[in-house]
Amino acid sequence: MGRQYGGLMKDELLAEYAMITTELQSRGYTIDEIRSLVRDNEPFLPERIKEIYRGMAEVTGLTEDDAYVLYYGPILYLTTPYACSYLAVWDEYTVNGSVVVSRNWDTSDELEPFNQYYVLAVYNPTDGSNSVATFSPAAAAPETLMNSKGLYISDDASGQGISAPENRQEILAAFFGLMLDFSDLDGLDAGIRALRPSGTVIVDAAGVTGAYVYEVGLVETKQRTGDGVIAAANHFVDPFWTGIVPEPNSVIRYDNLLGQAEEAKGSIDGEKMVGIRDVAYEDGGATFTHTVFDGIPCSSNHQIVFVPADETLWFKVVDMTWQKVSLSPLFAE
């Protein structure tokens, strides 16, 4: 799959690599230091991810370390934390009871150079695993994934900045494995509960039958669901967690999303959810478009709406228009 990806996207991957390394060199890093940064993380990637990036390297002429620069590119590039939000509705909240999922991936605008490289990639393995669709800058570690069984997974920052003292598996690579391996929400639930990420994180999950939020600490994981609606922003909500003071804008976005779902109760489908996600933070929604916080312009860098029942996807990159695609014909199954 890596050779196919590399062959189809060679020009874009090489241009993106040049963009990343040029910027990091301007910050004082040498090429060897950049490669060393990603090489230090390579042992924590599963072999199936490594095989993809070896294939990309082989076709593009990059070294394997250079391919991992693409994988970690946005993480290397960002100097400020990312945010994100999630809203899922079903039963009485939607037109026909089907689950409708949405998410914003919020970052500072310093990530704008990656916007031209966004790609919807579909992986169709030949070993019996599920097909997986990802949306991210080309070859970057995807944080929004769907599979051919109608499952969905993404992540939100927890707002805590707490890290484990020991090495643990890279969580975005784990997401890819979960999408390859699990075909229903029960299995995905078990897989998420087995995660031991290197830092606290919020995991969003959905499928044809429902939707959940997992608040993942270093030791404990708490699952949340709702009566037809669930949301997440960048703070833990379960009462189990004590002594955590959330950022005000996280609470506002969380409350706004629940309020929007309540106002639209009974009328939400994919298109309606797109409209909900179009509402600006300043206007009672959760979406940023070059919104300034503490002097830093921030945007909902990419947005997703997904209907698991028919695998219809809407996606958008900031300052661009929404696009709609049916994933079913793209999956090999």
C-alpha atoms as a PDB file:
ATOM      1  CA  MET A   1       0.000   0.000   0.000  1.00  0.00           C
ATOM      2  CA  GLY A   2       2.914   2.332   0.676  1.00  0.00           C
ATOM      3  CA  ARG A   3       4.274   1.878  -2.842  1.00  0.00           C
ATOM      4  CA  GLN A   4       0.870   2.698  -4.321  1.00  0.00           C
ATOM      5  CA  TYR A   5       0.516   5.778  -2.098  1.00  0.00           C
ATOM      6  CA  GLY A   6       4.029   6.907  -2.952  1.00  0.00           C
ATOM      7  CA  GLY A   7       3.503   6.384  -6.657  1.00  0.00           C
ATOM      8  CA  LEU A   8       0.231   8.300  -6.766  1.00  0.00           C
ATOM      9  CA  MET A   9       1.406  11.162  -4.536  1.00  0.00           C
ATOM     10  CA  LYS A  10       5.141  11.334  -5.286  1.00  0.00           C
ATOM     11  CA  ASP A  11       5.239  14.989  -6.347  1.00  0.00           C
ATOM     12  CA  GLU A  12       3.088  16.121  -3.417  1.00  0.00           C
ATOM     13  CA  LEU A  13       5.066  14.068  -0.894  1.00  0.00           C
ATOM     14  CA  LEU A  14       8.384  15.479  -2.099  1.00  0.00           C
ATOM     15  CA  ALA A  15       7.023  19.045  -2.052  1.00  0.00           C
ATOM     16  CA  GLU A  16       5.584  18.548   1.438  1.00  0.00           C
ATOM     17  CA  TYR A  17       8.862  17.084   2.677  1.00  0.00           C
ATOM     18  CA  ALA A  18      10.746  20.096   1.307  1.00  0.00           C
ATOM     19  CA  MET A  19       8.284  22.452   2.990  1.00  0.00           C
ATOM     20  CA  ILE A  20       8.641  20.737   6.382  1.00  0.00           C
ATOM     21  CA  THR A  21      12.416  20.500   6.355  1.00  0.00           C
ATOM     22  CA  THR A  22      12.914  24.039   5.048  1.00  0.00           C
ATOM     23  CA  GLU A  23      10.805  25.437   7.883  1.00  0.00           C
ATOM     24  CA  LEU A  24      12.503  23.334  10.558  1.00  0.00           C
ATOM     25  CA  GLN A  25      15.933  24.302   9.229  1.00  0.00           C
ATOM     26  CA  SER A  26      14.896  27.947   9.512  1.00  0.00           C
ATOM     27  CA  ARG A  27      14.274  27.225  13.208  1.00  0.00           C
ATOM     28  CA  GLY A  28      17.850  26.003  13.610  1.00  0.00           C
ATOM     29  CA  TYR A  29      17.564  22.244  13.053  1.00  0.00           C
ATOM     30  CA  THR A  30      19.887  20.393  10.702  1.00  0.00           C
ATOM     31  CA  ILE A  31      18.574  17.634   8.421  1.00  0.00           C
ATOM     32  CA  ASP A  32      20.364  15.058  10.592  1.00  0.00           C
ATOM     33  CA  GLU A  33      18.703  16.445  13.721  1.00  0.00           C
ATOM     34  CA  ILE A  34      15.269  16.320  12.062  1.00  0.00           C
ATOM     35  CA  ARG A  35      15.839  12.708  11.052  1.00  0.00           C
ATOM     36  CA  SER A  36      17.039  11.900  14.559  1.00  0.00           C
ATOM     37  CA  LEU A  37      13.826  13.311  16.063  1.00  0.00           C
ATOM     38  CA  VAL A  38      11.655  10.938  14.056  1.00  0.00           C
ATOM     39  CA  ARG A  39      14.093   8.016  14.356  1.00  0.00           C
ATOM     40  CA  ASP A  40      13.710   8.172  18.136  1.00  0.00           C
ATOM     41  CA  ASN A  41       9.973   7.468  17.761  1.00  0.00           C
ATOM     42  CA  GLU A  42      10.226   4.781  15.079  1.00  0.00           C
ATOM     43  CA  PRO A  43      10.550   1.841  17.539  1.00  0.00           C
ATOM     44  CA  PHE A  44       7.062   2.583  18.868  1.00  0.00           C
ATOM     45  CA  LEU A  45       5.358   2.221  15.490  1.00  0.00           C
ATOM     46  CA  PRO A  46       3.808  -1.150  14.569  1.00  0.00           C
ATOM     47  CA  GLU A  47       5.298  -3.108  11.690  1.00  0.00           C
ATOM     48  CA  ARG A  48       2.234  -2.579   9.446  1.00  0.00           C
ATOM     49  CA  ILE A  49       2.823   1.210   9.602  1.00  0.00           C
ATOM     50  CA  LYS A  50       6.544   0.795   8.990  1.00  0.00           C
ATOM     51  CA  GLU A  51       5.847  -1.319   5.904  1.00  0.00           C
ATOM     52  CA  ILE A  52       3.676   1.455   4.429  1.00  0.00           C
ATOM     53  CA  TYR A  53       6.377   4.073   4.955  1.00  0.00           C
ATOM     54  CA  ARG A  54       9.123   1.822   3.636  1.00  0.00           C
ATOM     55  CA  GLY A  55       7.055   1.480   0.474  1.00  0.00           C
ATOM     56  CA  MET A  56       6.610   5.251   0.222  1.00  0.00           C
ATOM     57  CA  ALA A  57      10.339   5.770   0.653  1.00  0.00           C
ATOM     58  CA  GLU A  58      11.169   3.177  -1.995  1.00  0.00           C
ATOM     59  CA  VAL A  59       8.982   4.819  -4.641  1.00  0.00           C
ATOM     60  CA  THR A  60       9.695   8.478  -3.870  1.00  0.00           C
ATOM     61  CA  GLY A  61      13.455   8.201  -3.397  1.00  0.00           C
ATOM     62  CA  LEU A  62      13.257   9.462   0.181  1.00  0.00           C
ATOM     63  CA  THR A  63      15.061   7.622   2.947  1.00  0.00           C
ATOM     64  CA  GLU A  64      12.928   5.743   5.463  1.00  0.00           C
ATOM     65  CA  ASP A  65      13.723   8.430   8.061  1.00  0.00           C
ATOM     66  CA  ASP A  66      12.580  11.073   5.580  1.00  0.00           C
ATOM     67  CA  ALA A  67       9.281   9.215   5.137  1.00  0.00           C
ATOM     68  CA  TYR A  68       8.764   9.389   8.900  1.00  0.00           C
ATOM     69  CA  VAL A  69       9.366  13.146   8.709  1.00  0.00           C
ATOM     70  CA  LEU A  70       6.168  13.210   6.649  1.00  0.00           C
ATOM     71  CA  TYR A  71       4.378  11.035   9.214  1.00  0.00           C
ATOM     72  CA  TYR A  72       5.298  13.349  12.087  1.00  0.00           C
ATOM     73  CA  GLY A  73       5.334  16.535   9.997  1.00  0.00           C
ATOM     74  CA  PRO A  74       2.449  18.465  11.610  1.00  0.00           C
ATOM     75  CA  ILE A  75       3.619  17.441  15.089  1.00  0.00           C
ATOM     76  CA  LEU A  76       7.134  18.695  14.341  1.00  0.00           C
ATOM     77  CA  TYR A  77       5.765  21.873  12.776  1.00  0.00           C
ATOM     78  CA  LEU A  78       3.367  22.930  15.535  1.00  0.00           C
ATOM     79  CA  THR A  79       4.696  25.005  18.431  1.00  0.00           C
ATOM     80  CA  THR A  80       1.281  25.359  20.131  1.00  0.00           C
ATOM     81  CA  PRO A  81      -1.177  22.678  21.342  1.00  0.00           C
ATOM     82  CA  TYR A  82      -4.014  21.468  19.137  1.00  0.00           C
ATOM     83  CA  ALA A  83      -7.618  21.440  20.389  1.00  0.00           C
ATOM     84  CA  CYS A  84     -10.584  19.759  18.553  1.00  0.00           C
ATOM     85  CA  SER A  85     -14.244  18.959  19.242  1.00  0.00           C
ATOM     86  CA  TYR A  86     -16.712  16.137  18.593  1.00  0.00           C
ATOM     87  CA  LEU A  87     -20.479  15.892  18.278  1.00  0.00           C
ATOM     88  CA  ALA A  88     -22.490  12.749  17.518  1.00  0.00           C
ATOM     89  CA  VAL A  89     -26.261  12.335  17.426  1.00  0.00           C
ATOM     90  CA  TRP A  90     -28.689   9.444  16.804  1.00  0.00           C
ATOM     91  CA  ASP A  91     -32.188   8.171  17.657  1.00  0.00           C
ATOM     92  CA  GLU A  92     -34.605  11.067  18.230  1.00  0.00           C
ATOM     93  CA  TYR A  93     -32.021  13.686  17.270  1.00  0.00           C
ATOM     94  CA  THR A  94     -31.695  12.552  13.657  1.00  0.00           C
ATOM     95  CA  VAL A  95     -34.128  12.394  10.774  1.00  0.00           C
ATOM     96  CA  ASN A  96     -34.217   8.593  10.605  1.00  0.00           C
ATOM     97  CA  GLY A  97     -32.519   7.560  13.844  1.00  0.00           C
ATOM     98  CA  SER A  98     -29.143   6.932  12.164  1.00  0.00           C
ATOM     99  CA  VAL A  99     -25.901   7.966  13.817  1.00  0.00           C
ATOM    100  CA  VAL A 100     -24.387  11.207  12.466  1.00  0.00           C
ATOM    101  CA  VAL A 101     -20.830  12.027  13.575  1.00  0.00           C
ATOM    102  CA  SER A 102     -18.852  15.266  13.313  1.00  0.00           C
ATOM    103  CA  ARG A 103     -15.503  16.610  14.393  1.00  0.00           C
ATOM    104  CA  ASN A 104     -13.317  19.710  14.143  1.00  0.00           C
ATOM    105  CA  TRP A 105      -9.534  19.433  14.259  1.00  0.00           C
ATOM    106  CA  ASP A 106      -8.469  22.790  15.672  1.00  0.00           C
ATOM    107  CA  THR A 107      -4.897  24.099  15.486  1.00  0.00           C
ATOM    108  CA  SER A 108      -3.018  27.350  15.279  1.00  0.00           C
ATOM    109  CA  ASP A 109      -2.764  28.837  11.801  1.00  0.00           C
ATOM    110  CA  GLU A 110       0.950  28.012  11.666  1.00  0.00           C
ATOM    111  CA  LEU A 111      -0.223  24.689  10.201  1.00  0.00           C
ATOM    112  CA  GLU A 112      -1.684  26.420   7.119  1.00  0.00           C
ATOM    113  CA  PRO A 113       1.183  25.365   4.796  1.00  0.00           C
ATOM    114  CA  PHE A 114      -0.109  21.779   5.116  1.00  0.00           C
ATOM    115  CA  ASN A 115      -3.605  22.651   3.889  1.00  0.00           C
ATOM    116  CA  GLN A 116      -2.752  22.227   0.201  1.00  0.00           C
ATOM    117  CA  TYR A 117      -1.562  18.671   0.872  1.00  0.00           C
ATOM    118  CA  TYR A 118      -4.725  17.267   2.445  1.00  0.00           C
ATOM    119  CA  VAL A 119      -5.830  13.971   0.961  1.00  0.00           C
ATOM    120  CA  LEU A 120      -8.577  11.447   1.545  1.00  0.00           C
ATOM    121  CA  ALA A 121      -6.687   8.147   1.418  1.00  0.00           C
ATOM    122  CA  VAL A 122      -8.317   4.709   1.301  1.00  0.00           C
ATOM    123  CA  TYR A 123      -6.270   1.645   2.259  1.00  0.00           C
ATOM    124  CA  ASN A 124      -7.567  -1.687   0.923  1.00  0.00           C
ATOM    125  CA  PRO A 125      -5.465  -4.478   2.452  1.00  0.00           C
ATOM    126  CA  THR A 126      -5.346  -7.910   0.839  1.00  0.00           C
ATOM    127  CA  ASP A 127      -4.900  -9.884   4.080  1.00  0.00           C
ATOM    128  CA  GLY A 128      -8.560  -9.894   5.147  1.00  0.00           C
ATOM    129  CA  SER A 129      -8.347  -6.749   7.292  1.00  0.00           C
ATOM    130  CA  ASN A 130     -10.948  -3.994   6.996  1.00  0.00           C
ATOM    131  CA  SER A 131     -10.469  -1.195   4.496  1.00  0.00           C
ATOM    132  CA  VAL A 132      -9.593   2.118   6.169  1.00  0.00           C
ATOM    133  CA  ALA A 133     -10.152   5.719   5.058  1.00  0.00           C
ATOM    134  CA  THR A 134      -8.085   8.537   6.523  1.00  0.00           C
ATOM    135  CA  PHE A 135      -8.154  12.301   6.095  1.00  0.00           C
ATOM    136  CA  SER A 136      -4.952  14.209   6.799  1.00  0.00           C
ATOM    137  CA  PRO A 137      -2.107  16.049   5.089  1.00  0.00           C
ATOM    138  CA  ALA A 138      -0.400  13.606   2.715  1.00  0.00           C
ATOM    139  CA  ALA A 139       1.368  10.814   4.637  1.00  0.00           C
ATOM    140  CA  ALA A 140       0.868  12.568   7.984  1.00  0.00           C
ATOM    141  CA  ALA A 141      -0.300  10.480  10.929  1.00  0.00           C
ATOM    142  CA  PRO A 142      -4.096  10.545  10.534  1.00  0.00           C
ATOM    143  CA  GLU A 143      -6.262  11.690  13.446  1.00  0.00           C
ATOM    144  CA  THR A 144      -9.596  11.063  11.691  1.00  0.00           C
ATOM    145  CA  LEU A 145     -10.261   7.502  10.473  1.00  0.00           C
ATOM    146  CA  MET A 146     -13.213   5.418   9.237  1.00  0.00           C
ATOM    147  CA  ASN A 147     -13.428   1.801   8.110  1.00  0.00           C
ATOM    148  CA  SER A 148     -15.449  -0.387   5.780  1.00  0.00           C
ATOM    149  CA  LYS A 149     -17.614  -1.631   8.647  1.00  0.00           C
ATOM    150  CA  GLY A 150     -18.884   1.884   9.368  1.00  0.00           C
ATOM    151  CA  LEU A 151     -16.655   2.494  12.378  1.00  0.00           C
ATOM    152  CA  TYR A 152     -15.196   5.910  13.153  1.00  0.00           C
ATOM    153  CA  ILE A 153     -12.385   7.057  15.471  1.00  0.00           C
ATOM    154  CA  SER A 154     -10.648  10.378  16.180  1.00  0.00           C
ATOM    155  CA  ASP A 155      -8.936  12.136  19.063  1.00  0.00           C
ATOM    156  CA  ASP A 156      -9.211  15.384  20.997  1.00  0.00           C
ATOM    157  CA  ALA A 157      -6.584  16.932  23.241  1.00  0.00           C
ATOM    158  CA  SER A 158      -7.391  16.472  26.923  1.00  0.00           C
ATOM    159  CA  GLY A 159      -6.099  19.915  27.886  1.00  0.00           C
ATOM    160  CA  GLN A 160      -3.951  18.434  30.650  1.00  0.00           C
ATOM    161  CA  GLY A 161      -0.489  17.963  29.160  1.00  0.00           C
ATOM    162  CA  ILE A 162       0.225  14.913  31.353  1.00  0.00           C
ATOM    163  CA  SER A 163       2.649  12.322  29.961  1.00  0.00           C
ATOM    164  CA  ALA A 164       3.538   8.785  30.994  1.00  0.00           C
ATOM    165  CA  PRO A 165       6.975   8.261  32.556  1.00  0.00           C
ATOM    166  CA  GLU A 166       7.698   5.250  30.325  1.00  0.00           C
ATOM    167  CA  ASN A 167       7.584   4.536  26.603  1.00  0.00           C
ATOM    168  CA  ARG A 168       4.176   3.573  25.219  1.00  0.00           C
ATOM    169  CA  GLN A 169       2.658   2.837  21.818  1.00  0.00           C
ATOM    170  CA  GLU A 170       2.059   5.771  19.458  1.00  0.00           C
ATOM    171  CA  ILE A 171      -1.717   6.319  19.713  1.00  0.00           C
ATOM    172  CA  LEU A 172      -2.428   7.412  16.133  1.00  0.00           C
ATOM    173  CA  ALA A 173      -0.735   4.274  14.849  1.00  0.00           C
ATOM    174  CA  ALA A 174      -2.911   2.345  17.295  1.00  0.00           C
ATOM    175  CA  PHE A 175      -5.997   3.997  15.778  1.00  0.00           C
ATOM    176  CA  PHE A 176      -5.021   2.683  12.356  1.00  0.00           C
ATOM    177  CA  GLY A 177      -4.699  -0.818  13.782  1.00  0.00           C
ATOM    178  CA  LEU A 178      -8.079  -0.603  15.505  1.00  0.00           C
ATOM    179  CA  MET A 179      -9.748   0.338  12.226  1.00  0.00           C
ATOM    180  CA  LEU A 180      -8.041  -2.530  10.389  1.00  0.00           C
ATOM    181  CA  ASP A 181      -8.920  -5.084  13.054  1.00  0.00           C
ATOM    182  CA  PHE A 182     -12.390  -4.355  14.457  1.00  0.00           C
ATOM    183  CA  SER A 183     -15.752  -4.591  12.740  1.00  0.00           C
ATOM    184  CA  ASP A 184     -18.280  -3.511  15.381  1.00  0.00           C
ATOM    185  CA  LEU A 185     -18.521  -1.153  18.345  1.00  0.00           C
ATOM    186  CA  ASP A 186     -18.085  -3.931  20.912  1.00  0.00           C
ATOM    187  CA  GLY A 187     -14.732  -4.866  19.460  1.00  0.00           C
ATOM    188  CA  LEU A 188     -13.681  -1.242  19.044  1.00  0.00           C
ATOM    189  CA  ASP A 189     -14.674  -0.588  22.657  1.00  0.00           C
ATOM    190  CA  ALA A 190     -12.402  -3.395  23.842  1.00  0.00           C
ATOM    191  CA  GLY A 191      -9.561  -2.098  21.685  1.00  0.00           C
ATOM    192  CA  ILE A 192      -9.873   1.459  22.981  1.00  0.00           C
ATOM    193  CA  ARG A 193     -10.000   0.298  26.591  1.00  0.00           C
ATOM    194  CA  ALA A 194      -6.727  -1.570  26.008  1.00  0.00           C
ATOM    195  CA  LEU A 195      -4.934   1.579  24.834  1.00  0.00           C
ATOM    196  CA  ARG A 196      -2.148   2.911  27.010  1.00  0.00           C
ATOM    197  CA  PRO A 197      -1.226   6.190  25.316  1.00  0.00           C
ATOM    198  CA  SER A 198       1.823   8.240  26.210  1.00  0.00           C
ATOM    199  CA  GLY A 199      -0.383  11.083  27.436  1.00  0.00           C
ATOM    200  CA  THR A 200      -3.951  11.757  28.521  1.00  0.00           C
ATOM    201  CA  VAL A 201      -6.302  12.029  25.549  1.00  0.00           C
ATOM    202  CA  ILE A 202      -9.959  12.011  24.531  1.00  0.00           C
ATOM    203  CA  VAL A 203     -10.969   9.338  22.004  1.00  0.00           C
ATOM    204  CA  ASP A 204     -14.141   9.707  19.923  1.00  0.00           C
ATOM    205  CA  ALA A 205     -15.736   6.539  18.567  1.00  0.00           C
ATOM    206  CA  ALA A 206     -18.889   5.743  16.630  1.00  0.00           C
ATOM    207  CA  GLY A 207     -20.529   3.104  14.488  1.00  0.00           C
ATOM    208  CA  VAL A 208     -23.869   2.189  13.016  1.00  0.00           C
ATOM    209  CA  THR A 209     -25.386   1.454  16.446  1.00  0.00           C
ATOM    210  CA  GLY A 210     -24.138   4.326  18.596  1.00  0.00           C
ATOM    211  CA  ALA A 211     -21.392   6.725  19.626  1.00  0.00           C
ATOM    212  CA  TYR A 212     -19.073   7.142  22.593  1.00  0.00           C
ATOM    213  CA  VAL A 213     -16.414   9.362  24.112  1.00  0.00           C
ATOM    214  CA  TYR A 214     -13.511   7.845  26.028  1.00  0.00           C
ATOM    215  CA  GLU A 215     -11.607   9.964  28.507  1.00  0.00           C
ATOM    216  CA  VAL A 216      -8.261   8.165  28.628  1.00  0.00           C
ATOM    217  CA  GLY A 217      -5.965   8.828  31.545  1.00  0.00           C
ATOM    218  CA  LEU A 218      -2.586   7.255  32.144  1.00  0.00           C
ATOM    219  CA  VAL A 219      -4.195   4.504  34.238  1.00  0.00           C
ATOM    220  CA  GLU A 220      -7.996   4.830  34.037  1.00  0.00           C
ATOM    221  CA  THR A 221     -10.302   5.065  31.015  1.00  0.00           C
ATOM    222  CA  LYS A 222     -13.868   6.334  31.394  1.00  0.00           C
ATOM    223  CA  GLN A 223     -16.472   5.824  28.665  1.00  0.00           C
ATOM    224  CA  ARG A 224     -19.264   8.362  28.169  1.00  0.00           C
ATOM    225  CA  THR A 225     -22.377   8.040  26.053  1.00  0.00           C
ATOM    226  CA  GLY A 226     -25.691   9.870  25.932  1.00  0.00           C
ATOM    227  CA  ASP A 227     -29.390   9.653  25.206  1.00  0.00           C
ATOM    228  CA  GLY A 228     -29.075  10.282  21.486  1.00  0.00           C
ATOM    229  CA  VAL A 229     -26.385  12.953  21.749  1.00  0.00           C
ATOM    230  CA  ILE A 230     -22.808  13.161  22.963  1.00  0.00           C
ATOM    231  CA  ALA A 231     -20.098  15.817  22.662  1.00  0.00           C
ATOM    232  CA  ALA A 232     -16.481  16.392  23.590  1.00  0.00           C
ATOM    233  CA  ALA A 233     -14.071  19.290  23.475  1.00  0.00           C
ATOM    234  CA  ASN A 234     -10.793  19.524  25.366  1.00  0.00           C
ATOM    235  CA  HIS A 235     -11.585  18.629  28.945  1.00  0.00           C
ATOM    236  CA  PHE A 236     -12.649  15.523  30.831  1.00  0.00           C
ATOM    237  CA  VAL A 237     -16.344  15.607  31.790  1.00  0.00           C
ATOM    238  CA  ASP A 238     -16.888  12.358  33.707  1.00  0.00           C
ATOM    239  CA  PRO A 239     -17.298  13.113  37.453  1.00  0.00           C
ATOM    240  CA  PHE A 240     -14.621  10.514  38.209  1.00  0.00           C
ATOM    241  CA  TRP A 241     -11.979  13.097  37.371  1.00  0.00           C
ATOM    242  CA  THR A 242     -11.368  15.645  40.125  1.00  0.00           C
ATOM    243  CA  GLY A 243      -9.148  18.685  40.464  1.00  0.00           C
ATOM    244  CA  ILE A 244      -9.175  19.464  36.732  1.00  0.00           C
ATOM    245  CA  VAL A 245      -9.879  23.056  35.711  1.00  0.00           C
ATOM    246  CA  PRO A 246     -10.853  23.181  32.020  1.00  0.00           C
ATOM    247  CA  GLU A 247     -10.038  26.008  29.651  1.00  0.00           C
ATOM    248  CA  PRO A 248     -13.073  28.331  29.340  1.00  0.00           C
ATOM    249  CA  ASN A 249     -13.226  28.075  25.528  1.00  0.00           C
ATOM    250  CA  SER A 250     -13.363  24.272  25.780  1.00  0.00           C
ATOM    251  CA  VAL A 251     -16.401  24.446  28.065  1.00  0.00           C
ATOM    252  CA  ILE A 252     -18.042  27.018  25.783  1.00  0.00           C
ATOM    253  CA  ARG A 253     -17.548  24.867  22.663  1.00  0.00           C
ATOM    254  CA  TYR A 254     -18.826  21.778  24.484  1.00  0.00           C
ATOM    255  CA  ASP A 255     -21.945  23.583  25.688  1.00  0.00           C
ATOM    256  CA  ASN A 256     -22.503  25.214  22.295  1.00  0.00           C
ATOM    257  CA  LEU A 257     -22.442  21.866  20.496  1.00  0.00           C
ATOM    258  CA  LEU A 258     -24.957  20.319  22.883  1.00  0.00           C
ATOM    259  CA  GLY A 259     -27.132  23.412  22.556  1.00  0.00           C
ATOM    260  CA  GLN A 260     -27.010  23.279  18.764  1.00  0.00           C
ATOM    261  CA  ALA A 261     -27.971  19.600  18.801  1.00  0.00           C
ATOM    262  CA  GLU A 262     -30.887  20.365  21.087  1.00  0.00           C
ATOM    263  CA  GLU A 263     -32.131  23.171  18.835  1.00  0.00           C
ATOM    264  CA  ALA A 264     -31.984  20.898  15.779  1.00  0.00           C
ATOM    265  CA  LYS A 265     -33.373  17.793  17.523  1.00  0.00           C
ATOM    266  CA  GLY A 266     -35.267  15.559  15.124  1.00  0.00           C
ATOM    267  CA  SER A 267     -33.984  17.278  11.990  1.00  0.00           C
ATOM    268  CA  ILE A 268     -30.315  16.322  11.894  1.00  0.00           C
ATOM    269  CA  ASP A 269     -28.878  14.474   8.916  1.00  0.00           C
ATOM    270  CA  GLY A 270     -25.468  14.813   7.288  1.00  0.00           C
ATOM    271  CA  GLU A 271     -26.263  18.120   5.593  1.00  0.00           C
ATOM    272  CA  LYS A 272     -27.769  19.565   8.772  1.00  0.00           C
ATOM    273  CA  MET A 273     -24.668  18.565  10.705  1.00  0.00           C
ATOM    274  CA  VAL A 274     -22.531  20.345   8.108  1.00  0.00           C
ATOM    275  CA  GLY A 275     -24.590  23.449   8.882  1.00  0.00           C
ATOM    276  CA  ILE A 276     -24.026  22.994  12.608  1.00  0.00           C
ATOM    277  CA  ARG A 277     -20.304  22.735  12.012  1.00  0.00           C
ATOM    278  CA  ASP A 278     -20.371  25.906   9.910  1.00  0.00           C
ATOM    279  CA  VAL A 279     -21.467  28.017  12.898  1.00  0.00           C
ATOM    280  CA  ALA A 280     -18.601  30.119  14.219  1.00  0.00           C
ATOM    281  CA  TYR A 281     -17.462  30.016  17.827  1.00  0.00           C
ATOM    282  CA  GLU A 282     -18.269  33.721  18.051  1.00  0.00           C
ATOM    283  CA  ASP A 283     -21.845  33.007  16.939  1.00  0.00           C
ATOM    284  CA  GLY A 284     -22.610  30.201  19.364  1.00  0.00           C
ATOM    285  CA  GLY A 285     -20.937  27.328  17.534  1.00  0.00           C
ATOM    286  CA  ALA A 286     -17.603  25.558  17.882  1.00  0.00           C
ATOM    287  CA  THR A 287     -15.749  26.450  14.688  1.00  0.00           C
ATOM    288  CA  PHE A 288     -12.722  28.721  14.489  1.00  0.00           C
ATOM    289  CA  THR A 289     -11.706  30.595  11.345  1.00  0.00           C
ATOM    290  CA  HIS A 290      -8.533  32.567  12.100  1.00  0.00           C
ATOM    291  CA  THR A 291      -9.933  33.278  15.564  1.00  0.00           C
ATOM    292  CA  VAL A 292      -7.326  34.923  17.811  1.00  0.00           C
ATOM    293  CA  PHE A 293      -6.616  33.450  21.266  1.00  0.00           C
ATOM    294  CA  ASP A 294      -3.817  34.976  23.327  1.00  0.00           C
ATOM    295  CA  GLY A 295      -2.510  36.656  20.196  1.00  0.00           C
ATOM    296  CA  ILE A 296      -2.433  33.388  18.189  1.00  0.00           C
ATOM    297  CA  PRO A 297      -4.742  32.951  15.152  1.00  0.00           C
ATOM    298  CA  CYS A 298      -6.438  29.536  15.302  1.00  0.00           C
ATOM    299  CA  SER A 299      -8.720  27.648  12.922  1.00  0.00           C
ATOM    300  CA  SER A 300     -10.699  24.449  12.626  1.00  0.00           C
ATOM    301  CA  ASN A 301      -8.043  23.185  10.260  1.00  0.00           C
ATOM    302  CA  HIS A 302     -10.164  20.310   9.041  1.00  0.00           C
ATOM    303  CA  GLN A 303     -13.751  19.259   9.670  1.00  0.00           C
ATOM    304  CA  ILE A 304     -15.539  15.938   9.185  1.00  0.00           C
ATOM    305  CA  VAL A 305     -19.162  14.774   9.075  1.00  0.00           C
ATOM    306  CA  PHE A 306     -19.747  11.024   8.726  1.00  0.00           C
ATOM    307  CA  VAL A 307     -22.840   8.816   8.561  1.00  0.00           C
ATOM    308  CA  PRO A 308     -21.769   5.250   9.460  1.00  0.00           C
ATOM    309  CA  ALA A 309     -24.931   3.559   8.127  1.00  0.00           C
ATOM    310  CA  ASP A 310     -24.251   4.458   4.488  1.00  0.00           C
ATOM    311  CA  GLU A 311     -20.580   5.490   4.841  1.00  0.00           C
ATOM    312  CA  THR A 312     -21.187   8.985   3.473  1.00  0.00           C
ATOM    313  CA  LEU A 313     -18.462  11.467   4.323  1.00  0.00           C
ATOM    314  CA  TRP A 314     -18.331  15.267   4.176  1.00  0.00           C
ATOM    315  CA  PHE A 315     -14.932  16.898   4.688  1.00  0.00           C
ATOM    316  CA  LYS A 316     -13.555  20.408   4.642  1.00  0.00           C
ATOM    317  CA  VAL A 317     -10.226  22.190   5.050  1.00  0.00           C
ATOM    318  CA  VAL A 318     -10.308  25.727   6.446  1.00  0.00           C
ATOM    319  CA  ASP A 319     -10.965  28.431   3.804  1.00  0.00           C
ATOM    320  CA  MET A 320     -12.093  25.744   1.346  1.00  0.00           C
ATOM    321  CA  THR A 321     -15.538  24.325   0.581  1.00  0.00           C
ATOM    322  CA  TRP A 322     -17.161  21.169   1.910  1.00  0.00           C
ATOM    323  CA  GLN A 323     -16.855  18.075  -0.266  1.00  0.00           C
ATOM    324  CA  LYS A 324     -19.087  15.004  -0.111  1.00  0.00           C
ATOM    325  CA  VAL A 325     -18.089  11.464  -1.025  1.00  0.00           C
ATOM    326  CA  SER A 326     -19.497   7.975  -0.610  1.00  0.00           C
ATOM    327  CA  LEU A 327     -16.782   5.772   0.858  1.00  0.00           C
ATOM    328  CA  SER A 328     -18.528   2.468   0.086  1.00  0.00           C
ATOM    329  CA  PRO A 329     -17.453   2.303  -3.590  1.00  0.00           C
ATOM    330  CA  LEU A 330     -13.868   3.107  -2.565  1.00  0.00           C
ATOM    331  CA  PHE A 331     -13.639   0.241  -0.105  1.00  0.00           C
ATOM    332  CA  ALA A 332     -12.607  -3.070  -1.637  1.00  0.00           C
ATOM    333  CA  GLU A 333     -15.152  -5.136   0.272  1.00  0.00           C
END
